[in-house]
């Protein structure tokens, strides 16, 4: 996978690619990276990359010309269905980044990530060059670079050999459920003990406990994921049974509380 980041501040992504697991992935040749400074493709001596929007309004808008020149410099062609490069503009107006989309993007050969600033970019760049607008959440960031790093982190870890495959098993959002609680040494901390089942060595009991905790946590924290899973028939018979048991228990507690 090659990540090409078009940015006004290449030092932000440079730091990320030179740290931790990502640095090891780059050293091993599993990930490629290049940062393109959009200012290098500006026309004037001040390397201007923004101007006031037509029609008025607050803020500045990134200019089309430097962006277009930068995109073409990295091999993106106008209105070309180039399957080697997928151009993504990070925008709060884009489609939500979720685990399914991260998995899809991780299969691409190259992601060209366009980082906006200020009030965004000229719409004509989106119309001509961009394949996808992607949002990392329902909030607004001042930096498209931060959003790009979120997308990069969500995708590169899914690449083969970057992370031990077993570490990716049963993560949050796997099969529509959040991850179960995790514990390590010591067995007792601040009077709180590790659940006995995890110390039992009984693999089936541990598997069942973890599955129940995944369902329980998802019902509390993200009931929308449970609804989506049910609508899309993602859950096994075992999971559906646990969901129903947890709902019955919750209703029983509510009824007892109302009685009090």
C-alpha atoms as a PDB file:
ATOM      1  CA  UNK A   1       0.000   0.000   0.000  1.00  0.00           C
ATOM      2  CA  UNK A   2       1.247   3.462  -0.931  1.00  0.00           C
ATOM      3  CA  UNK A   3      -0.113   6.486   0.919  1.00  0.00           C
ATOM      4  CA  UNK A   4       0.264   9.783  -0.915  1.00  0.00           C
ATOM      5  CA  UNK A   5      -0.681  12.735   1.276  1.00  0.00           C
ATOM      6  CA  UNK A   6      -1.324  16.126  -0.314  1.00  0.00           C
ATOM      7  CA  UNK A   7      -0.994  18.729   2.411  1.00  0.00           C
ATOM      8  CA  UNK A   8       0.042  22.243   3.330  1.00  0.00           C
ATOM      9  CA  UNK A   9       1.832  20.828   6.394  1.00  0.00           C
ATOM     10  CA  UNK A  10       3.815  17.695   5.444  1.00  0.00           C
ATOM     11  CA  UNK A  11       5.593  17.666   8.803  1.00  0.00           C
ATOM     12  CA  UNK A  12       2.387  16.432  10.459  1.00  0.00           C
ATOM     13  CA  UNK A  13       2.226  13.209   8.469  1.00  0.00           C
ATOM     14  CA  UNK A  14       6.034  12.867   8.363  1.00  0.00           C
ATOM     15  CA  UNK A  15       6.073  12.471  12.144  1.00  0.00           C
ATOM     16  CA  UNK A  16       3.402   9.782  12.067  1.00  0.00           C
ATOM     17  CA  UNK A  17       5.131   7.652   9.426  1.00  0.00           C
ATOM     18  CA  UNK A  18       8.412   7.752  11.360  1.00  0.00           C
ATOM     19  CA  UNK A  19       6.973   6.448  14.629  1.00  0.00           C
ATOM     20  CA  UNK A  20       5.940   3.185  16.294  1.00  0.00           C
ATOM     21  CA  UNK A  21       4.440   0.290  14.297  1.00  0.00           C
ATOM     22  CA  UNK A  22       4.074   2.439  11.188  1.00  0.00           C
ATOM     23  CA  UNK A  23       7.819   3.111  11.073  1.00  0.00           C
ATOM     24  CA  UNK A  24       8.452  -0.653  11.224  1.00  0.00           C
ATOM     25  CA  UNK A  25       5.930  -1.264   8.440  1.00  0.00           C
ATOM     26  CA  UNK A  26       7.687   1.323   6.264  1.00  0.00           C
ATOM     27  CA  UNK A  27      11.120  -0.159   7.021  1.00  0.00           C
ATOM     28  CA  UNK A  28       9.859  -3.629   6.064  1.00  0.00           C
ATOM     29  CA  UNK A  29       8.457  -2.363   2.783  1.00  0.00           C
ATOM     30  CA  UNK A  30       4.862  -3.155   3.722  1.00  0.00           C
ATOM     31  CA  UNK A  31       3.827   0.505   3.492  1.00  0.00           C
ATOM     32  CA  UNK A  32       5.004   3.265   1.196  1.00  0.00           C
ATOM     33  CA  UNK A  33       4.588   6.966   1.901  1.00  0.00           C
ATOM     34  CA  UNK A  34       5.118  10.297   0.251  1.00  0.00           C
ATOM     35  CA  UNK A  35       4.037  13.747   1.408  1.00  0.00           C
ATOM     36  CA  UNK A  36       3.351  16.332  -1.281  1.00  0.00           C
ATOM     37  CA  UNK A  37       3.500  19.970  -0.240  1.00  0.00           C
ATOM     38  CA  UNK A  38       0.690  21.706  -2.120  1.00  0.00           C
ATOM     39  CA  UNK A  39       2.508  25.032  -1.815  1.00  0.00           C
ATOM     40  CA  UNK A  40       5.186  23.712  -4.182  1.00  0.00           C
ATOM     41  CA  UNK A  41       2.558  23.896  -6.941  1.00  0.00           C
ATOM     42  CA  UNK A  42       1.375  27.442  -6.275  1.00  0.00           C
ATOM     43  CA  UNK A  43       1.889  30.082  -8.973  1.00  0.00           C
ATOM     44  CA  UNK A  44       2.971  33.233  -7.154  1.00  0.00           C
ATOM     45  CA  UNK A  45       6.112  34.050  -5.203  1.00  0.00           C
ATOM     46  CA  UNK A  46       4.206  33.884  -1.925  1.00  0.00           C
ATOM     47  CA  UNK A  47       3.085  30.322  -2.732  1.00  0.00           C
ATOM     48  CA  UNK A  48      -0.536  31.282  -2.065  1.00  0.00           C
ATOM     49  CA  UNK A  49      -2.958  28.381  -1.851  1.00  0.00           C
ATOM     50  CA  UNK A  50      -6.166  30.068  -0.705  1.00  0.00           C
ATOM     51  CA  UNK A  51      -8.506  32.924  -1.558  1.00  0.00           C
ATOM     52  CA  UNK A  52     -11.893  34.325  -0.566  1.00  0.00           C
ATOM     53  CA  UNK A  53     -14.905  32.294  -1.776  1.00  0.00           C
ATOM     54  CA  UNK A  54     -17.170  33.616  -4.496  1.00  0.00           C
ATOM     55  CA  UNK A  55     -20.516  34.733  -3.133  1.00  0.00           C
ATOM     56  CA  UNK A  56     -19.005  35.902   0.135  1.00  0.00           C
ATOM     57  CA  UNK A  57     -18.865  34.205   3.483  1.00  0.00           C
ATOM     58  CA  UNK A  58     -16.378  33.731   6.276  1.00  0.00           C
ATOM     59  CA  UNK A  59     -12.979  32.168   5.851  1.00  0.00           C
ATOM     60  CA  UNK A  60     -10.809  31.254   2.911  1.00  0.00           C
ATOM     61  CA  UNK A  61     -10.995  28.465   0.349  1.00  0.00           C
ATOM     62  CA  UNK A  62      -8.117  26.430  -1.049  1.00  0.00           C
ATOM     63  CA  UNK A  63      -7.383  27.303  -4.686  1.00  0.00           C
ATOM     64  CA  UNK A  64      -8.068  24.880  -7.511  1.00  0.00           C
ATOM     65  CA  UNK A  65      -4.873  25.447  -9.505  1.00  0.00           C
ATOM     66  CA  UNK A  66      -2.268  24.338  -6.925  1.00  0.00           C
ATOM     67  CA  UNK A  67      -4.413  21.365  -5.937  1.00  0.00           C
ATOM     68  CA  UNK A  68      -4.922  20.273  -9.530  1.00  0.00           C
ATOM     69  CA  UNK A  69      -1.231  20.597 -10.347  1.00  0.00           C
ATOM     70  CA  UNK A  70      -0.244  18.652  -7.227  1.00  0.00           C
ATOM     71  CA  UNK A  71      -2.701  15.856  -8.032  1.00  0.00           C
ATOM     72  CA  UNK A  72      -1.473  15.555 -11.607  1.00  0.00           C
ATOM     73  CA  UNK A  73       2.129  15.590 -10.394  1.00  0.00           C
ATOM     74  CA  UNK A  74       1.492  12.383  -8.434  1.00  0.00           C
ATOM     75  CA  UNK A  75      -0.097  10.728 -11.453  1.00  0.00           C
ATOM     76  CA  UNK A  76      -3.806  11.446 -10.954  1.00  0.00           C
ATOM     77  CA  UNK A  77      -5.419  12.127 -14.317  1.00  0.00           C
ATOM     78  CA  UNK A  78      -8.535  14.148 -15.102  1.00  0.00           C
ATOM     79  CA  UNK A  79     -11.690  12.030 -15.309  1.00  0.00           C
ATOM     80  CA  UNK A  80      -9.625   8.864 -15.518  1.00  0.00           C
ATOM     81  CA  UNK A  81     -10.727   5.622 -13.908  1.00  0.00           C
ATOM     82  CA  UNK A  82      -7.239   4.823 -12.669  1.00  0.00           C
ATOM     83  CA  UNK A  83      -7.606   1.718 -10.528  1.00  0.00           C
ATOM     84  CA  UNK A  84      -4.058   2.118  -9.240  1.00  0.00           C
ATOM     85  CA  UNK A  85      -4.933   5.279  -7.307  1.00  0.00           C
ATOM     86  CA  UNK A  86      -8.006   6.106  -5.234  1.00  0.00           C
ATOM     87  CA  UNK A  87      -8.305   9.810  -4.492  1.00  0.00           C
ATOM     88  CA  UNK A  88      -9.948  10.665  -1.176  1.00  0.00           C
ATOM     89  CA  UNK A  89     -10.830  14.110   0.100  1.00  0.00           C
ATOM     90  CA  UNK A  90     -11.162  14.220   3.893  1.00  0.00           C
ATOM     91  CA  UNK A  91     -14.308  16.215   4.594  1.00  0.00           C
ATOM     92  CA  UNK A  92     -17.005  16.429   7.298  1.00  0.00           C
ATOM     93  CA  UNK A  93     -19.463  16.208   4.386  1.00  0.00           C
ATOM     94  CA  UNK A  94     -18.163  12.803   3.276  1.00  0.00           C
ATOM     95  CA  UNK A  95     -19.348   9.264   3.831  1.00  0.00           C
ATOM     96  CA  UNK A  96     -18.618   8.003   7.371  1.00  0.00           C
ATOM     97  CA  UNK A  97     -15.406   6.063   7.890  1.00  0.00           C
ATOM     98  CA  UNK A  98     -16.314   2.758   9.530  1.00  0.00           C
ATOM     99  CA  UNK A  99     -14.604  -0.600   9.828  1.00  0.00           C
ATOM    100  CA  UNK A 100     -16.181  -1.881   6.620  1.00  0.00           C
ATOM    101  CA  UNK A 101     -14.902   1.093   4.617  1.00  0.00           C
ATOM    102  CA  UNK A 102     -11.477   0.796   6.264  1.00  0.00           C
ATOM    103  CA  UNK A 103     -11.305  -2.813   5.113  1.00  0.00           C
ATOM    104  CA  UNK A 104     -12.293  -1.815   1.582  1.00  0.00           C
ATOM    105  CA  UNK A 105      -9.696   0.958   1.402  1.00  0.00           C
ATOM    106  CA  UNK A 106      -6.975  -1.322   2.796  1.00  0.00           C
ATOM    107  CA  UNK A 107      -7.256  -3.387  -0.386  1.00  0.00           C
ATOM    108  CA  UNK A 108      -6.255  -0.472  -2.638  1.00  0.00           C
ATOM    109  CA  UNK A 109      -2.762  -0.222  -4.132  1.00  0.00           C
ATOM    110  CA  UNK A 110      -2.507   3.522  -3.497  1.00  0.00           C
ATOM    111  CA  UNK A 111      -4.568   6.020  -1.565  1.00  0.00           C
ATOM    112  CA  UNK A 112      -4.134   9.664  -2.515  1.00  0.00           C
ATOM    113  CA  UNK A 113      -5.327  11.662   0.482  1.00  0.00           C
ATOM    114  CA  UNK A 114      -6.247  15.288  -0.068  1.00  0.00           C
ATOM    115  CA  UNK A 115      -6.083  17.307   3.161  1.00  0.00           C
ATOM    116  CA  UNK A 116      -8.216  20.424   3.246  1.00  0.00           C
ATOM    117  CA  UNK A 117      -7.800  23.503   5.401  1.00  0.00           C
ATOM    118  CA  UNK A 118      -9.746  26.670   6.145  1.00  0.00           C
ATOM    119  CA  UNK A 119     -13.274  26.439   4.671  1.00  0.00           C
ATOM    120  CA  UNK A 120     -12.338  23.523   2.408  1.00  0.00           C
ATOM    121  CA  UNK A 121     -11.401  23.286  -1.267  1.00  0.00           C
ATOM    122  CA  UNK A 122     -12.800  24.493  -4.574  1.00  0.00           C
ATOM    123  CA  UNK A 123     -15.669  22.186  -5.592  1.00  0.00           C
ATOM    124  CA  UNK A 124     -14.244  21.769  -9.086  1.00  0.00           C
ATOM    125  CA  UNK A 125     -11.319  19.761  -7.686  1.00  0.00           C
ATOM    126  CA  UNK A 126     -13.816  17.385  -6.080  1.00  0.00           C
ATOM    127  CA  UNK A 127     -15.826  17.128  -9.293  1.00  0.00           C
ATOM    128  CA  UNK A 128     -12.816  16.407 -11.498  1.00  0.00           C
ATOM    129  CA  UNK A 129     -10.341  14.422  -9.402  1.00  0.00           C
ATOM    130  CA  UNK A 130     -11.879  13.013  -6.214  1.00  0.00           C
ATOM    131  CA  UNK A 131     -13.235   9.458  -6.040  1.00  0.00           C
ATOM    132  CA  UNK A 132     -14.568   9.610  -2.478  1.00  0.00           C
ATOM    133  CA  UNK A 133     -15.255  12.194   0.188  1.00  0.00           C
ATOM    134  CA  UNK A 134     -14.721  10.588   3.599  1.00  0.00           C
ATOM    135  CA  UNK A 135     -15.594  11.875   7.065  1.00  0.00           C
ATOM    136  CA  UNK A 136     -13.995  10.565  10.259  1.00  0.00           C
ATOM    137  CA  UNK A 137     -16.902  11.741  12.416  1.00  0.00           C
ATOM    138  CA  UNK A 138     -19.790  14.124  12.854  1.00  0.00           C
ATOM    139  CA  UNK A 139     -17.651  17.035  13.952  1.00  0.00           C
ATOM    140  CA  UNK A 140     -15.446  19.647  12.285  1.00  0.00           C
ATOM    141  CA  UNK A 141     -11.648  19.637  12.464  1.00  0.00           C
ATOM    142  CA  UNK A 142      -9.351  22.529  11.596  1.00  0.00           C
ATOM    143  CA  UNK A 143      -6.922  20.074  10.013  1.00  0.00           C
ATOM    144  CA  UNK A 144      -7.535  17.644   7.170  1.00  0.00           C
ATOM    145  CA  UNK A 145      -4.195  16.123   8.121  1.00  0.00           C
ATOM    146  CA  UNK A 146      -5.581  14.842  11.426  1.00  0.00           C
ATOM    147  CA  UNK A 147      -8.488  13.212   9.587  1.00  0.00           C
ATOM    148  CA  UNK A 148      -6.096  11.684   7.045  1.00  0.00           C
ATOM    149  CA  UNK A 149      -4.031  10.135   9.842  1.00  0.00           C
ATOM    150  CA  UNK A 150      -7.174   8.578  11.312  1.00  0.00           C
ATOM    151  CA  UNK A 151      -7.958   6.991   7.941  1.00  0.00           C
ATOM    152  CA  UNK A 152      -4.357   5.839   7.504  1.00  0.00           C
ATOM    153  CA  UNK A 153      -4.262   4.266  10.962  1.00  0.00           C
ATOM    154  CA  UNK A 154      -7.577   2.482  10.406  1.00  0.00           C
ATOM    155  CA  UNK A 155      -6.378   0.982   7.108  1.00  0.00           C
ATOM    156  CA  UNK A 156      -2.664   0.199   7.357  1.00  0.00           C
ATOM    157  CA  UNK A 157      -3.113  -2.028  10.411  1.00  0.00           C
ATOM    158  CA  UNK A 158      -5.320  -4.276   8.271  1.00  0.00           C
ATOM    159  CA  UNK A 159      -2.544  -4.880   5.752  1.00  0.00           C
ATOM    160  CA  UNK A 160      -1.048  -8.354   5.723  1.00  0.00           C
ATOM    161  CA  UNK A 161       1.981  -8.815   8.026  1.00  0.00           C
ATOM    162  CA  UNK A 162       1.672  -5.384   9.679  1.00  0.00           C
ATOM    163  CA  UNK A 163      -0.009  -6.755  12.817  1.00  0.00           C
ATOM    164  CA  UNK A 164      -0.211 -10.350  14.048  1.00  0.00           C
ATOM    165  CA  UNK A 165      -3.468 -11.741  12.585  1.00  0.00           C
ATOM    166  CA  UNK A 166      -4.700 -13.021  15.961  1.00  0.00           C
ATOM    167  CA  UNK A 167      -4.542  -9.454  17.311  1.00  0.00           C
ATOM    168  CA  UNK A 168      -7.226  -8.478  14.806  1.00  0.00           C
ATOM    169  CA  UNK A 169      -9.616 -11.225  15.893  1.00  0.00           C
ATOM    170  CA  UNK A 170     -12.692 -10.190  17.886  1.00  0.00           C
ATOM    171  CA  UNK A 171     -11.934  -6.463  17.777  1.00  0.00           C
ATOM    172  CA  UNK A 172     -14.599  -3.849  18.206  1.00  0.00           C
ATOM    173  CA  UNK A 173     -17.016  -3.768  15.249  1.00  0.00           C
ATOM    174  CA  UNK A 174     -16.103  -7.328  14.286  1.00  0.00           C
ATOM    175  CA  UNK A 175     -19.433  -8.934  13.338  1.00  0.00           C
ATOM    176  CA  UNK A 176     -21.345  -5.925  14.642  1.00  0.00           C
ATOM    177  CA  UNK A 177     -20.153  -6.114  18.260  1.00  0.00           C
ATOM    178  CA  UNK A 178     -17.763  -4.148  20.451  1.00  0.00           C
ATOM    179  CA  UNK A 179     -14.747  -5.814  22.009  1.00  0.00           C
ATOM    180  CA  UNK A 180     -14.951  -7.574  25.377  1.00  0.00           C
ATOM    181  CA  UNK A 181     -13.160  -6.208  28.502  1.00  0.00           C
ATOM    182  CA  UNK A 182      -9.475  -7.110  28.850  1.00  0.00           C
ATOM    183  CA  UNK A 183      -7.371  -7.669  31.980  1.00  0.00           C
ATOM    184  CA  UNK A 184      -3.703  -8.259  32.806  1.00  0.00           C
ATOM    185  CA  UNK A 185      -1.520  -8.463  35.931  1.00  0.00           C
ATOM    186  CA  UNK A 186      -1.955  -7.980  38.834  1.00  0.00           C
ATOM    187  CA  UNK A 187      -4.990 -10.149  39.572  1.00  0.00           C
ATOM    188  CA  UNK A 188      -6.166  -7.550  42.109  1.00  0.00           C
ATOM    189  CA  UNK A 189      -5.931  -3.779  41.697  1.00  0.00           C
ATOM    190  CA  UNK A 190      -7.534  -1.227  44.042  1.00  0.00           C
ATOM    191  CA  UNK A 191      -9.683  -4.046  45.513  1.00  0.00           C
ATOM    192  CA  UNK A 192     -10.929  -4.946  42.008  1.00  0.00           C
ATOM    193  CA  UNK A 193     -10.215  -8.519  40.953  1.00  0.00           C
ATOM    194  CA  UNK A 194      -9.869 -10.103  37.545  1.00  0.00           C
ATOM    195  CA  UNK A 195     -12.997 -12.162  36.764  1.00  0.00           C
ATOM    196  CA  UNK A 196     -12.479 -15.719  37.956  1.00  0.00           C
ATOM    197  CA  UNK A 197     -13.449 -17.218  34.610  1.00  0.00           C
ATOM    198  CA  UNK A 198     -10.374 -15.672  32.980  1.00  0.00           C
ATOM    199  CA  UNK A 199      -8.149 -17.403  35.518  1.00  0.00           C
ATOM    200  CA  UNK A 200      -9.880 -20.768  35.156  1.00  0.00           C
ATOM    201  CA  UNK A 201      -8.094 -22.025  32.053  1.00  0.00           C
ATOM    202  CA  UNK A 202     -11.444 -23.320  30.768  1.00  0.00           C
ATOM    203  CA  UNK A 203     -11.357 -22.164  27.147  1.00  0.00           C
ATOM    204  CA  UNK A 204     -15.038 -22.706  26.353  1.00  0.00           C
ATOM    205  CA  UNK A 205     -16.170 -20.833  29.458  1.00  0.00           C
ATOM    206  CA  UNK A 206     -13.789 -17.991  28.619  1.00  0.00           C
ATOM    207  CA  UNK A 207     -15.074 -17.843  25.027  1.00  0.00           C
ATOM    208  CA  UNK A 208     -18.670 -17.746  26.210  1.00  0.00           C
ATOM    209  CA  UNK A 209     -17.965 -15.084  28.860  1.00  0.00           C
ATOM    210  CA  UNK A 210     -16.217 -12.878  26.329  1.00  0.00           C
ATOM    211  CA  UNK A 211     -19.052 -13.225  23.840  1.00  0.00           C
ATOM    212  CA  UNK A 212     -21.620 -12.348  26.496  1.00  0.00           C
ATOM    213  CA  UNK A 213     -19.583  -9.300  27.518  1.00  0.00           C
ATOM    214  CA  UNK A 214     -19.332  -8.181  23.882  1.00  0.00           C
ATOM    215  CA  UNK A 215     -23.111  -8.325  23.552  1.00  0.00           C
ATOM    216  CA  UNK A 216     -23.663  -6.663  26.920  1.00  0.00           C
ATOM    217  CA  UNK A 217     -21.277  -3.803  26.153  1.00  0.00           C
ATOM    218  CA  UNK A 218     -22.709  -3.231  22.687  1.00  0.00           C
ATOM    219  CA  UNK A 219     -26.290  -3.156  24.017  1.00  0.00           C
ATOM    220  CA  UNK A 220     -25.301  -0.449  26.490  1.00  0.00           C
ATOM    221  CA  UNK A 221     -22.794   1.613  24.490  1.00  0.00           C
ATOM    222  CA  UNK A 222     -23.937   1.154  20.899  1.00  0.00           C
ATOM    223  CA  UNK A 223     -27.504  -0.175  20.631  1.00  0.00           C
ATOM    224  CA  UNK A 224     -27.488   1.135  17.057  1.00  0.00           C
ATOM    225  CA  UNK A 225     -24.941  -1.566  16.163  1.00  0.00           C
ATOM    226  CA  UNK A 226     -27.239  -4.232  17.583  1.00  0.00           C
ATOM    227  CA  UNK A 227     -30.141  -2.898  15.505  1.00  0.00           C
ATOM    228  CA  UNK A 228     -28.015  -2.829  12.371  1.00  0.00           C
ATOM    229  CA  UNK A 229     -26.752  -6.344  13.024  1.00  0.00           C
ATOM    230  CA  UNK A 230     -30.269  -7.649  13.447  1.00  0.00           C
ATOM    231  CA  UNK A 231     -31.495  -5.880  10.312  1.00  0.00           C
ATOM    232  CA  UNK A 232     -28.595  -7.263   8.281  1.00  0.00           C
ATOM    233  CA  UNK A 233     -28.753 -10.753   9.852  1.00  0.00           C
ATOM    234  CA  UNK A 234     -25.118 -10.545  10.981  1.00  0.00           C
ATOM    235  CA  UNK A 235     -25.550 -12.450  14.219  1.00  0.00           C
ATOM    236  CA  UNK A 236     -25.287 -16.185  14.839  1.00  0.00           C
ATOM    237  CA  UNK A 237     -27.999 -18.103  16.683  1.00  0.00           C
ATOM    238  CA  UNK A 238     -25.840 -18.005  19.799  1.00  0.00           C
ATOM    239  CA  UNK A 239     -25.464 -14.219  19.674  1.00  0.00           C
ATOM    240  CA  UNK A 240     -29.168 -13.690  19.025  1.00  0.00           C
ATOM    241  CA  UNK A 241     -30.009 -15.832  22.049  1.00  0.00           C
ATOM    242  CA  UNK A 242     -27.621 -13.857  24.267  1.00  0.00           C
ATOM    243  CA  UNK A 243     -29.108 -10.564  23.038  1.00  0.00           C
ATOM    244  CA  UNK A 244     -32.587 -11.725  23.951  1.00  0.00           C
ATOM    245  CA  UNK A 245     -31.422 -12.959  27.375  1.00  0.00           C
ATOM    246  CA  UNK A 246     -29.754  -9.603  28.098  1.00  0.00           C
ATOM    247  CA  UNK A 247     -32.854  -7.698  27.013  1.00  0.00           C
ATOM    248  CA  UNK A 248     -35.083  -9.816  29.258  1.00  0.00           C
ATOM    249  CA  UNK A 249     -32.739  -9.217  32.194  1.00  0.00           C
ATOM    250  CA  UNK A 250     -32.761  -5.463  31.514  1.00  0.00           C
ATOM    251  CA  UNK A 251     -36.559  -5.384  31.344  1.00  0.00           C
ATOM    252  CA  UNK A 252     -36.743  -7.315  34.619  1.00  0.00           C
ATOM    253  CA  UNK A 253     -34.464  -4.787  36.323  1.00  0.00           C
ATOM    254  CA  UNK A 254     -36.522  -1.892  34.972  1.00  0.00           C
ATOM    255  CA  UNK A 255     -39.759  -3.441  36.235  1.00  0.00           C
ATOM    256  CA  UNK A 256     -38.283  -4.039  39.705  1.00  0.00           C
ATOM    257  CA  UNK A 257     -37.001  -0.473  39.845  1.00  0.00           C
ATOM    258  CA  UNK A 258     -40.410   0.869  38.883  1.00  0.00           C
ATOM    259  CA  UNK A 259     -41.997  -1.291  41.561  1.00  0.00           C
ATOM    260  CA  UNK A 260     -39.746   0.291  44.148  1.00  0.00           C
END
